[in-house]
Amino acid sequence: MPTAYVLITCDLGHEPQVIKQLLELSDVKEAYGTYGVYDIIVKIVSESMESLEHTVTKGMTSIPRIRAKLTLIVIEGQGS
């Protein structure tokens, strides 16, 4: 199954609100606040690459207060 991790920066103080909205997206399985350069890390698991792309492009783009994101698509077959 296509999997991706997305690192997100959002407006200061809006992390809980953004995480709540991210978790409402069907392919988002986990979302956590983080310390460091990025504010939130999200795990997406989809039935298809098209669904994953839709979640990252259309789904996340519709959430206000997200300033930037970096998407890391997992290479299937490498790792555990």
N, C-alpha and C. Protein backbone atom coordinates (compact mmCIF):
# COMPACT_ATOMS: atom_id res chain seq x y z
N MET A 1 0.84 -1.18 0.00
CA MET A 1 0.00 0.00 0.00
C MET A 1 0.89 1.24 0.00
N PRO A 2 0.60 2.20 -0.84
CA PRO A 2 1.39 3.42 -0.86
C PRO A 2 1.33 4.14 0.49
N THR A 3 2.50 4.51 0.97
CA THR A 3 2.63 5.17 2.27
C THR A 3 3.51 6.40 2.10
N ALA A 4 3.19 7.44 2.84
CA ALA A 4 4.01 8.65 2.82
C ALA A 4 4.01 9.28 4.21
N TYR A 5 5.08 9.99 4.48
CA TYR A 5 5.17 10.83 5.67
C TYR A 5 5.24 12.26 5.18
N VAL A 6 4.51 13.14 5.84
CA VAL A 6 4.50 14.55 5.45
C VAL A 6 4.93 15.38 6.66
N LEU A 7 5.94 16.22 6.45
CA LEU A 7 6.41 17.14 7.47
C LEU A 7 5.78 18.50 7.20
N ILE A 8 5.16 19.07 8.20
CA ILE A 8 4.36 20.28 8.01
C ILE A 8 4.83 21.39 8.94
N THR A 9 4.87 22.60 8.39
CA THR A 9 4.98 23.79 9.22
C THR A 9 3.66 24.52 9.14
N CYS A 10 3.22 25.03 10.28
CA CYS A 10 1.93 25.73 10.31
C CYS A 10 2.08 27.01 11.13
N ASP A 11 1.03 27.80 11.12
CA ASP A 11 1.04 29.04 11.89
C ASP A 11 1.20 28.73 13.37
N LEU A 12 2.02 29.51 14.04
CA LEU A 12 2.34 29.32 15.45
C LEU A 12 1.07 29.26 16.31
N GLY A 13 0.97 28.23 17.12
CA GLY A 13 -0.15 28.10 18.03
C GLY A 13 -1.35 27.37 17.46
N HIS A 14 -1.32 27.02 16.19
CA HIS A 14 -2.46 26.37 15.54
C HIS A 14 -2.25 24.87 15.32
N GLU A 15 -1.21 24.32 15.90
CA GLU A 15 -0.90 22.90 15.71
C GLU A 15 -2.06 21.97 16.08
N PRO A 16 -2.66 22.13 17.27
CA PRO A 16 -3.76 21.22 17.63
C PRO A 16 -4.93 21.26 16.64
N GLN A 17 -5.27 22.44 16.19
CA GLN A 17 -6.37 22.61 15.22
C GLN A 17 -6.02 21.94 13.89
N VAL A 18 -4.80 22.14 13.42
CA VAL A 18 -4.37 21.55 12.14
C VAL A 18 -4.33 20.03 12.26
N ILE A 19 -3.80 19.50 13.36
CA ILE A 19 -3.76 18.05 13.56
C ILE A 19 -5.17 17.46 13.54
N LYS A 20 -6.09 18.12 14.21
CA LYS A 20 -7.49 17.64 14.23
C LYS A 20 -8.05 17.57 12.81
N GLN A 21 -7.81 18.59 12.01
CA GLN A 21 -8.32 18.60 10.64
C GLN A 21 -7.61 17.55 9.77
N LEU A 22 -6.33 17.35 9.99
CA LEU A 22 -5.60 16.33 9.23
C LEU A 22 -6.16 14.95 9.50
N LEU A 23 -6.46 14.66 10.77
CA LEU A 23 -6.97 13.34 11.13
C LEU A 23 -8.36 13.07 10.57
N GLU A 24 -9.04 14.09 10.10
CA GLU A 24 -10.35 13.91 9.46
C GLU A 24 -10.22 13.43 8.02
N LEU A 25 -9.02 13.54 7.42
CA LEU A 25 -8.80 13.05 6.06
C LEU A 25 -8.71 11.52 6.11
N SER A 26 -9.39 10.86 5.21
CA SER A 26 -9.54 9.40 5.29
C SER A 26 -8.22 8.62 5.24
N ASP A 27 -7.25 9.05 4.48
CA ASP A 27 -6.00 8.31 4.35
C ASP A 27 -4.97 8.66 5.42
N VAL A 28 -5.24 9.67 6.22
CA VAL A 28 -4.30 10.05 7.29
C VAL A 28 -4.50 9.09 8.45
N LYS A 29 -3.45 8.35 8.79
CA LYS A 29 -3.52 7.35 9.85
C LYS A 29 -2.99 7.85 11.17
N GLU A 30 -1.99 8.75 11.13
CA GLU A 30 -1.40 9.30 12.34
C GLU A 30 -0.96 10.73 12.08
N ALA A 31 -1.01 11.56 13.12
CA ALA A 31 -0.51 12.93 13.04
C ALA A 31 -0.06 13.34 14.43
N TYR A 32 1.15 13.88 14.52
CA TYR A 32 1.73 14.26 15.81
C TYR A 32 2.40 15.61 15.72
N GLY A 33 2.32 16.37 16.81
CA GLY A 33 3.10 17.59 16.93
C GLY A 33 4.55 17.22 17.19
N THR A 34 5.48 18.03 16.69
CA THR A 34 6.90 17.76 16.86
C THR A 34 7.64 19.04 17.28
N TYR A 35 8.82 18.83 17.87
CA TYR A 35 9.75 19.93 18.12
C TYR A 35 10.74 19.97 16.97
N GLY A 36 11.22 21.15 16.65
CA GLY A 36 12.23 21.27 15.61
C GLY A 36 11.77 22.14 14.46
N VAL A 37 12.36 21.90 13.31
CA VAL A 37 12.08 22.71 12.13
C VAL A 37 10.63 22.57 11.70
N TYR A 38 10.08 21.37 11.80
CA TYR A 38 8.69 21.12 11.40
C TYR A 38 7.81 21.02 12.63
N ASP A 39 6.54 21.39 12.47
CA ASP A 39 5.60 21.41 13.59
C ASP A 39 4.80 20.13 13.74
N ILE A 40 4.58 19.44 12.62
CA ILE A 40 3.70 18.26 12.61
C ILE A 40 4.29 17.22 11.67
N ILE A 41 4.16 15.94 12.06
CA ILE A 41 4.47 14.84 11.15
C ILE A 41 3.20 14.03 10.97
N VAL A 42 2.95 13.63 9.72
CA VAL A 42 1.72 12.92 9.36
C VAL A 42 2.08 11.64 8.62
N LYS A 43 1.39 10.55 8.95
CA LYS A 43 1.54 9.30 8.21
C LYS A 43 0.29 9.08 7.39
N ILE A 44 0.49 8.86 6.09
CA ILE A 44 -0.61 8.60 5.16
C ILE A 44 -0.44 7.20 4.59
N VAL A 45 -1.51 6.42 4.62
CA VAL A 45 -1.52 5.10 4.00
C VAL A 45 -2.76 5.05 3.11
N SER A 46 -2.55 4.77 1.81
CA SER A 46 -3.64 4.82 0.84
C SER A 46 -3.78 3.49 0.11
N GLU A 47 -4.93 3.30 -0.49
CA GLU A 47 -5.17 2.12 -1.32
C GLU A 47 -4.45 2.22 -2.66
N SER A 48 -4.22 3.44 -3.13
CA SER A 48 -3.58 3.64 -4.43
C SER A 48 -2.73 4.90 -4.39
N MET A 49 -1.81 5.00 -5.34
CA MET A 49 -0.97 6.18 -5.44
C MET A 49 -1.83 7.41 -5.76
N GLU A 50 -2.86 7.23 -6.55
CA GLU A 50 -3.75 8.35 -6.89
C GLU A 50 -4.44 8.89 -5.65
N SER A 51 -4.87 8.00 -4.77
CA SER A 51 -5.52 8.42 -3.53
C SER A 51 -4.53 9.15 -2.62
N LEU A 52 -3.31 8.65 -2.56
CA LEU A 52 -2.27 9.31 -1.76
C LEU A 52 -2.01 10.71 -2.31
N GLU A 53 -1.85 10.81 -3.61
CA GLU A 53 -1.62 12.12 -4.24
C GLU A 53 -2.77 13.08 -3.95
N HIS A 54 -3.99 12.58 -4.00
CA HIS A 54 -5.17 13.41 -3.73
C HIS A 54 -5.14 13.94 -2.30
N THR A 55 -4.80 13.07 -1.36
CA THR A 55 -4.74 13.50 0.04
C THR A 55 -3.71 14.59 0.24
N VAL A 56 -2.54 14.42 -0.36
CA VAL A 56 -1.45 15.39 -0.19
C VAL A 56 -1.75 16.70 -0.92
N THR A 57 -2.29 16.61 -2.13
CA THR A 57 -2.50 17.83 -2.90
C THR A 57 -3.83 18.52 -2.58
N LYS A 58 -4.90 17.82 -2.72
CA LYS A 58 -6.22 18.45 -2.50
C LYS A 58 -6.62 18.49 -1.04
N GLY A 59 -6.47 17.37 -0.35
CA GLY A 59 -6.92 17.29 1.04
C GLY A 59 -6.18 18.23 1.97
N MET A 60 -4.86 18.17 1.94
CA MET A 60 -4.07 19.00 2.84
C MET A 60 -4.08 20.46 2.45
N THR A 61 -4.16 20.72 1.17
CA THR A 61 -4.16 22.11 0.69
C THR A 61 -5.41 22.85 1.18
N SER A 62 -6.49 22.12 1.43
CA SER A 62 -7.73 22.76 1.86
C SER A 62 -7.71 23.15 3.34
N ILE A 63 -6.69 22.73 4.08
CA ILE A 63 -6.62 23.03 5.51
C ILE A 63 -5.91 24.37 5.71
N PRO A 64 -6.63 25.33 6.32
CA PRO A 64 -5.99 26.62 6.56
C PRO A 64 -4.91 26.50 7.64
N ARG A 65 -4.00 27.43 7.66
CA ARG A 65 -2.92 27.54 8.64
C ARG A 65 -1.71 26.66 8.33
N ILE A 66 -1.78 25.81 7.29
CA ILE A 66 -0.59 25.08 6.87
C ILE A 66 0.23 26.02 6.00
N ARG A 67 1.49 26.22 6.37
CA ARG A 67 2.34 27.15 5.65
C ARG A 67 3.20 26.45 4.60
N ALA A 68 3.71 25.25 4.95
CA ALA A 68 4.57 24.51 4.02
C ALA A 68 4.54 23.04 4.39
N LYS A 69 4.85 22.19 3.40
CA LYS A 69 4.92 20.76 3.69
C LYS A 69 5.99 20.10 2.83
N LEU A 70 6.56 19.04 3.37
CA LEU A 70 7.57 18.24 2.68
C LEU A 70 7.07 16.81 2.70
N THR A 71 6.87 16.22 1.53
CA THR A 71 6.31 14.88 1.42
C THR A 71 7.40 13.87 1.13
N LEU A 72 7.43 12.80 1.92
CA LEU A 72 8.39 11.72 1.75
C LEU A 72 7.60 10.45 1.45
N ILE A 73 7.68 9.97 0.21
CA ILE A 73 6.97 8.75 -0.19
C ILE A 73 7.86 7.56 0.09
N VAL A 74 7.31 6.57 0.78
CA VAL A 74 8.05 5.38 1.18
C VAL A 74 8.30 4.48 -0.04
N ILE A 75 9.51 3.96 -0.14
CA ILE A 75 9.84 2.98 -1.19
C ILE A 75 9.38 1.62 -0.70
N GLU A 76 8.38 1.06 -1.35
CA GLU A 76 7.83 -0.23 -0.94
C GLU A 76 8.90 -1.32 -1.08
N GLY A 77 8.99 -2.19 -0.10
CA GLY A 77 9.95 -3.28 -0.13
C GLY A 77 11.26 -2.98 0.57
N GLN A 78 11.48 -1.72 0.93
CA GLN A 78 12.68 -1.37 1.68
C GLN A 78 12.26 -1.05 3.11
N GLY A 79 12.89 -1.67 4.06
CA GLY A 79 12.55 -1.42 5.46
C GLY A 79 11.59 -2.47 5.99
N SER A 80 11.09 -2.20 7.18
CA SER A 80 10.23 -3.20 7.83
C SER A 80 8.77 -2.99 7.53
